[in-house]
């Protein structure tokens, strides 16, 4: 089954019949319902800029002919604001596990947390990816913290990127 964007995706249309191994692997991993489909950089580009991505942008974020990676951190949907001296008390939703983490930055979309414990110890993962903010120490934040449930969006060692959950999704 192909991605719902494949009918209008230049990369897919151009390379779907290609014999080149690199294109077949990318199409299988991203376009044909592979495990990397949610990470497609073409879709990310489209959602951030509200315009079609460059024709030579592959789903993995590399420009096809130059083999250079497109810089996506400058195309975030929300502006990040650095946070200093803010520690949060957090709880893994549907468990009694509580832990603390430093809030590194905040945006309209979520927060970045630096953990004192490795996430594997906390059993944060595919099944348990929601965290509740029980409290925090900052007297003022650049953005009001008006939603308390976070979904873990990415993990890099002991750093978590968490997105605010929409109130209706709870």
Protein backbone atom coordinates (compact mmCIF):
# COMPACT_ATOMS: atom_id res chain seq x y z
CA UNK A 1 0.00 0.00 0.00
CA UNK A 2 1.45 3.35 -1.02
CA UNK A 3 1.54 6.55 0.99
CA UNK A 4 -1.54 8.76 0.60
CA UNK A 5 0.72 11.48 -0.84
CA UNK A 6 2.19 9.22 -3.54
CA UNK A 7 -0.27 10.36 -6.24
CA UNK A 8 1.20 13.86 -6.12
CA UNK A 9 4.74 13.13 -4.87
CA UNK A 10 7.30 13.97 -7.55
CA UNK A 11 9.96 11.66 -6.04
CA UNK A 12 7.56 8.70 -5.92
CA UNK A 13 6.21 9.24 -9.43
CA UNK A 14 9.69 9.67 -10.90
CA UNK A 15 11.29 6.67 -9.17
CA UNK A 16 8.51 4.10 -8.67
CA UNK A 17 9.64 2.07 -11.71
CA UNK A 18 13.37 2.62 -11.14
CA UNK A 19 15.74 -0.35 -11.10
CA UNK A 20 18.22 1.53 -8.89
CA UNK A 21 18.59 -0.20 -5.55
CA UNK A 22 18.77 3.07 -3.59
CA UNK A 23 15.40 4.22 -4.94
CA UNK A 24 13.74 0.83 -4.36
CA UNK A 25 14.92 0.76 -0.73
CA UNK A 26 13.71 4.31 -0.09
CA UNK A 27 10.34 3.59 -1.68
CA UNK A 28 9.90 0.38 0.33
CA UNK A 29 10.93 2.03 3.61
CA UNK A 30 9.03 5.31 3.26
CA UNK A 31 6.41 5.14 0.50
CA UNK A 32 5.03 1.61 0.58
CA UNK A 33 3.92 1.62 4.21
CA UNK A 34 7.39 0.89 5.60
CA UNK A 35 8.41 1.62 9.17
CA UNK A 36 9.97 4.95 8.19
CA UNK A 37 6.83 6.37 6.52
CA UNK A 38 6.03 8.76 9.42
CA UNK A 39 9.55 10.22 9.14
CA UNK A 40 9.29 11.17 5.46
CA UNK A 41 11.14 14.48 5.02
CA UNK A 42 9.09 15.31 1.93
CA UNK A 43 5.90 15.26 4.04
CA UNK A 44 7.65 17.20 6.82
CA UNK A 45 8.75 19.86 4.33
CA UNK A 46 5.20 20.08 2.97
CA UNK A 47 3.64 20.50 6.42
CA UNK A 48 6.19 23.10 7.63
CA UNK A 49 6.41 25.27 4.51
CA UNK A 50 2.93 24.61 3.06
CA UNK A 51 4.54 24.18 -0.36
CA UNK A 52 5.89 21.31 -2.41
CA UNK A 53 9.40 20.13 -1.50
CA UNK A 54 12.26 20.36 -4.01
CA UNK A 55 11.99 17.72 -6.75
CA UNK A 56 15.33 16.16 -5.81
CA UNK A 57 14.53 15.80 -2.08
CA UNK A 58 14.40 12.10 -1.17
CA UNK A 59 12.15 10.84 1.66
CA UNK A 60 15.21 10.44 3.92
CA UNK A 61 15.98 14.17 3.72
CA UNK A 62 18.95 13.98 1.33
CA UNK A 63 19.10 15.81 -1.97
CA UNK A 64 19.41 13.05 -4.61
CA UNK A 65 22.19 14.35 -6.82
CA UNK A 66 24.33 16.19 -4.26
CA UNK A 67 23.92 13.66 -1.40
CA UNK A 68 23.67 16.60 1.01
CA UNK A 69 21.07 16.57 3.74
CA UNK A 70 18.54 19.38 3.77
CA UNK A 71 18.58 21.32 7.07
CA UNK A 72 15.16 20.89 8.64
CA UNK A 73 15.85 22.37 12.07
CA UNK A 74 15.41 25.85 10.65
CA UNK A 75 11.94 24.96 9.44
CA UNK A 76 10.33 24.10 12.75
CA UNK A 77 6.64 24.80 13.02
CA UNK A 78 7.11 26.54 16.39
CA UNK A 79 9.94 28.71 17.72
CA UNK A 80 11.99 27.19 20.54
CA UNK A 81 12.64 29.17 23.70
CA UNK A 82 15.55 28.24 25.98
CA UNK A 83 14.62 27.49 29.57
CA UNK A 84 17.04 27.77 32.48
CA UNK A 85 16.70 26.46 36.01
CA UNK A 86 13.48 24.53 35.50
CA UNK A 87 13.12 21.01 36.81
CA UNK A 88 9.89 19.09 36.27
CA UNK A 89 8.28 16.32 38.26
CA UNK A 90 6.79 13.90 35.73
CA UNK A 91 4.75 10.70 35.78
CA UNK A 92 4.44 8.01 33.13
CA UNK A 93 0.69 7.97 32.36
CA UNK A 94 -1.21 4.90 33.64
CA UNK A 95 1.65 3.97 36.00
CA UNK A 96 2.79 5.06 39.42
CA UNK A 97 6.31 5.85 38.14
CA UNK A 98 7.44 9.39 38.79
CA UNK A 99 10.75 10.93 37.82
CA UNK A 100 12.36 14.31 37.38
CA UNK A 101 13.92 15.98 34.35
CA UNK A 102 15.37 19.35 33.42
CA UNK A 103 13.34 21.36 30.92
CA UNK A 104 15.81 22.44 28.23
CA UNK A 105 13.47 24.34 25.94
CA UNK A 106 9.79 24.94 25.29
CA UNK A 107 7.72 25.85 22.24
CA UNK A 108 4.05 26.06 21.36
CA UNK A 109 4.33 22.42 20.28
CA UNK A 110 6.13 20.84 23.22
CA UNK A 111 9.20 20.64 25.41
CA UNK A 112 12.66 19.12 25.37
CA UNK A 113 13.63 17.29 28.56
CA UNK A 114 17.03 16.16 29.86
CA UNK A 115 16.54 13.11 32.08
CA UNK A 116 18.57 12.11 35.10
CA UNK A 117 17.62 8.47 34.37
CA UNK A 118 17.76 6.53 31.12
CA UNK A 119 14.30 6.21 29.47
CA UNK A 120 14.66 2.42 29.26
CA UNK A 121 14.67 2.25 33.07
CA UNK A 122 11.41 4.20 33.08
CA UNK A 123 9.91 1.94 30.38
CA UNK A 124 9.03 4.90 28.19
CA UNK A 125 8.53 3.62 24.69
CA UNK A 126 6.03 2.60 22.04
CA UNK A 127 3.34 1.41 24.46
CA UNK A 128 4.04 3.95 27.22
CA UNK A 129 4.73 7.19 25.41
CA UNK A 130 2.61 9.62 27.42
CA UNK A 131 3.95 11.63 30.34
CA UNK A 132 2.05 13.86 32.76
CA UNK A 133 3.61 17.02 34.19
CA UNK A 134 2.92 16.97 37.93
CA UNK A 135 4.81 20.18 38.67
CA UNK A 136 7.76 22.36 37.72
CA UNK A 137 10.10 24.76 39.48
CA UNK A 138 10.28 27.72 37.07
CA UNK A 139 8.61 30.87 38.28
CA UNK A 140 8.01 32.08 34.74
CA UNK A 141 8.29 30.39 31.35
CA UNK A 142 8.51 32.10 27.94
CA UNK A 143 5.32 30.24 26.98
CA UNK A 144 2.55 29.39 29.45
CA UNK A 145 2.47 25.68 30.31
CA UNK A 146 -1.28 25.16 29.85
CA UNK A 147 -1.31 21.47 28.84
CA UNK A 148 -0.04 18.82 31.21
CA UNK A 149 0.07 15.67 29.06
CA UNK A 150 3.08 15.10 26.78
CA UNK A 151 3.71 12.46 24.11
CA UNK A 152 7.31 11.37 23.57
CA UNK A 153 8.10 12.31 19.96
CA UNK A 154 11.82 11.41 19.86
CA UNK A 155 14.59 10.20 22.11
CA UNK A 156 18.35 10.68 21.97
CA UNK A 157 20.04 8.93 24.91
CA UNK A 158 18.76 10.81 27.96
CA UNK A 159 17.09 13.64 26.06
CA UNK A 160 13.42 13.46 25.16
CA UNK A 161 11.49 15.61 22.72
CA UNK A 162 7.87 15.71 23.83
CA UNK A 163 4.82 17.14 22.06
CA UNK A 164 1.88 18.59 23.93
CA UNK A 165 -1.19 16.41 23.59
CA UNK A 166 -4.31 18.14 22.31
CA UNK A 167 -6.98 18.33 25.04
CA UNK A 168 -9.54 16.43 22.94
CA UNK A 169 -7.10 13.51 22.48
CA UNK A 170 -7.02 12.72 26.21
